[in-house]
Amino acid sequence: MDNERIFVKRANVVLEVPADEKDDYTAQGYSILDASGKVIEEALPNDVNALKIIIGQLQKEIADLKKVAEKPKTSTAKKSTEK
């Protein structure tokens, strides 16, 4: 296990690094890739502007969901009294 290596990617740079350095690379904004190059663990953005954009998108989504939740609910189903 000491020789286990993983692939990390940031922008267009892919590196092969020791597996025990995974946390260090994710903290620097690198995503973790599997052997076929597919992202298996997305890195968190580490610059303020990227985070502001994500926060704005999430705030809009929350507002949209609140609007949907606040709409009056009308039921068209009739209650059956038969047993």
Protein backbone atom coordinates (compact mmCIF):
# COMPACT_ATOMS: atom_id res chain seq x y z
CA MET A 1 0.00 0.00 0.00
CA ASP A 2 3.02 2.28 0.44
CA ASN A 3 3.41 2.47 -3.34
CA GLU A 4 -0.25 3.20 -4.04
CA ARG A 5 -0.64 6.19 -6.35
CA ILE A 6 -3.63 8.23 -7.45
CA PHE A 7 -4.35 10.71 -10.21
CA VAL A 8 -5.31 14.30 -9.41
CA LYS A 9 -6.45 17.03 -11.79
CA ARG A 10 -6.76 20.80 -11.65
CA ALA A 11 -7.63 22.76 -14.80
CA ASN A 12 -5.78 20.89 -17.57
CA VAL A 13 -3.02 19.48 -15.34
CA VAL A 14 -3.13 15.80 -14.35
CA LEU A 15 -0.60 14.47 -11.87
CA GLU A 16 0.13 11.03 -10.46
CA VAL A 17 0.85 11.38 -6.75
CA PRO A 18 1.17 9.14 -3.69
CA ALA A 19 -2.25 8.19 -2.27
CA ASP A 20 -1.30 9.42 1.19
CA GLU A 21 -1.06 12.99 -0.22
CA LYS A 22 -4.67 12.96 -1.44
CA ASP A 23 -5.93 15.39 1.23
CA ASP A 24 -3.13 17.83 0.50
CA TYR A 25 -4.03 17.95 -3.18
CA THR A 26 -7.78 18.24 -2.65
CA ALA A 27 -7.11 21.16 -0.29
CA GLN A 28 -5.21 22.82 -3.15
CA GLY A 29 -8.21 22.44 -5.49
CA TYR A 30 -7.34 19.20 -7.28
CA SER A 31 -10.06 16.68 -8.16
CA ILE A 32 -9.39 12.96 -7.69
CA LEU A 33 -9.57 10.75 -10.80
CA ASP A 34 -10.03 7.03 -11.20
CA ALA A 35 -7.77 4.95 -13.45
CA SER A 36 -9.88 5.76 -16.52
CA GLY A 37 -9.68 9.52 -15.91
CA LYS A 38 -13.22 9.95 -14.59
CA VAL A 39 -13.59 12.41 -11.68
CA ILE A 40 -14.53 10.42 -8.57
CA GLU A 41 -14.10 13.20 -6.02
CA GLU A 42 -14.70 16.80 -7.04
CA ALA A 43 -12.44 19.42 -5.49
CA LEU A 44 -13.96 22.32 -3.65
CA PRO A 45 -13.27 25.68 -5.26
CA ASN A 46 -10.66 27.56 -3.30
CA ASP A 47 -10.99 31.03 -4.76
CA VAL A 48 -13.48 33.54 -3.43
CA ASN A 49 -15.05 34.47 -6.79
CA ALA A 50 -15.88 30.85 -7.61
CA LEU A 51 -17.45 30.43 -4.18
CA LYS A 52 -19.50 33.63 -4.62
CA ILE A 53 -20.89 32.30 -7.90
CA ILE A 54 -21.84 28.98 -6.29
CA ILE A 55 -23.45 30.74 -3.33
CA GLY A 56 -25.47 32.95 -5.69
CA GLN A 57 -26.69 29.93 -7.65
CA LEU A 58 -27.69 28.11 -4.46
CA GLN A 59 -29.49 31.17 -3.07
CA LYS A 60 -31.52 31.43 -6.29
CA GLU A 61 -32.34 27.74 -6.15
CA ILE A 62 -33.48 28.07 -2.52
CA ALA A 63 -35.69 31.05 -3.41
CA ASP A 64 -37.24 29.10 -6.31
CA LEU A 65 -37.91 26.11 -4.05
CA LYS A 66 -39.52 28.35 -1.42
CA LYS A 67 -41.86 29.77 -4.09
CA VAL A 68 -42.90 26.26 -5.10
CA ALA A 69 -43.43 25.24 -1.47
CA GLU A 70 -45.55 28.34 -0.75
CA LYS A 71 -47.98 27.75 -3.62
CA PRO A 72 -51.43 26.81 -2.31
CA LYS A 73 -52.04 23.13 -2.56
CA THR A 74 -55.31 22.17 -4.21
CA SER A 75 -56.53 18.63 -4.07
CA THR A 76 -58.55 17.23 -6.93
CA ALA A 77 -58.87 13.79 -5.40
CA LYS A 78 -62.27 12.95 -3.93
CA LYS A 79 -62.47 11.24 -0.60
CA SER A 80 -64.18 7.92 -0.75
CA THR A 81 -66.65 6.99 1.98
CA GLU A 82 -66.94 3.41 0.81
CA LYS A 83 -65.32 0.64 2.79
